[in-house]
Amino acid sequence: MMTTLDEKNAKAPTHGVYFVKDRKGNPDWIRVGSAWINRDGEGMNLSLDNLGQTVILTVRPTKPKAE
């Protein structure tokens, strides 16, 4: 069940991913990819474009280790 996006917009990125380069107090924002909230709402998938290669990353919350 999707809680963050409706079915029609499920494939559209929800976030842009940027590299921010500071140029003497004037930041230059360079778009390097897109991100989507996971269907379970517990993280994001990132698609980064770098020199003609696409890298896919998944970001998940850190959970405490069982003792």
Protein backbone atom coordinates (compact mmCIF):
# COMPACT_ATOMS: atom_id res chain seq x y z
CA MET A 1 0.00 0.00 0.00
CA MET A 2 1.41 3.36 -0.99
CA THR A 3 1.07 6.08 1.58
CA THR A 4 3.29 8.81 0.15
CA LEU A 5 2.39 8.85 -3.55
CA ASP A 6 -0.72 8.07 -5.50
CA GLU A 7 -0.63 5.39 -8.20
CA LYS A 8 -0.65 7.93 -11.07
CA ASN A 9 2.53 9.68 -9.86
CA ALA A 10 4.31 6.62 -8.45
CA LYS A 11 7.15 6.75 -10.99
CA ALA A 12 7.81 10.49 -10.91
CA PRO A 13 10.77 11.58 -8.74
CA THR A 14 9.75 13.29 -5.52
CA HIS A 15 13.13 14.96 -4.88
CA GLY A 16 16.10 16.31 -6.79
CA VAL A 17 19.65 15.39 -5.70
CA TYR A 18 22.24 18.17 -5.90
CA PHE A 19 25.97 18.68 -5.44
CA VAL A 20 26.46 22.10 -3.85
CA LYS A 21 29.76 23.80 -4.60
CA ASP A 22 30.53 26.95 -2.63
CA ARG A 23 32.04 29.67 -4.78
CA LYS A 24 33.14 32.35 -2.33
CA GLY A 25 29.79 32.54 -0.54
CA ASN A 26 27.73 32.03 -3.70
CA PRO A 27 26.67 28.35 -3.80
CA ASP A 28 26.40 26.65 -7.17
CA TRP A 29 23.75 23.88 -7.14
CA ILE A 30 24.46 21.16 -9.70
CA ARG A 31 21.74 18.55 -10.21
CA VAL A 32 23.25 15.06 -10.12
CA GLY A 33 20.16 12.88 -9.91
CA SER A 34 16.68 12.18 -8.59
CA ALA A 35 15.16 10.51 -5.55
CA TRP A 36 11.94 8.70 -4.75
CA ILE A 37 10.38 7.94 -1.37
CA ASN A 38 10.12 4.17 -0.89
CA ARG A 39 6.63 2.71 -1.04
CA ASP A 40 6.83 1.75 2.63
CA GLY A 41 7.81 5.32 3.58
CA GLU A 42 10.94 4.02 5.34
CA GLY A 43 13.60 5.59 3.15
CA MET A 44 14.46 6.70 -0.36
CA ASN A 45 15.89 5.39 -3.61
CA LEU A 46 18.42 7.67 -5.31
CA SER A 47 19.43 7.59 -8.96
CA LEU A 48 22.69 9.46 -9.56
CA ASP A 49 24.08 10.23 -13.02
CA ASN A 50 27.87 10.50 -13.15
CA LEU A 51 29.99 10.56 -16.30
CA GLY A 52 27.46 8.58 -18.30
CA GLN A 53 26.94 5.97 -15.58
CA THR A 54 23.80 5.67 -13.46
CA VAL A 55 24.25 4.61 -9.85
CA ILE A 56 21.25 3.50 -7.78
CA LEU A 57 21.42 3.94 -3.99
CA THR A 58 18.89 3.04 -1.32
CA VAL A 59 18.75 5.03 1.91
CA ARG A 60 17.17 3.30 4.91
CA PRO A 61 16.86 4.39 8.55
CA THR A 62 19.39 2.96 10.98
CA LYS A 63 17.77 0.55 13.39
CA PRO A 64 19.27 -0.39 16.76
CA LYS A 65 21.05 -3.74 16.84
CA ALA A 66 19.53 -6.44 19.02
CA GLU A 67 21.64 -7.24 22.08
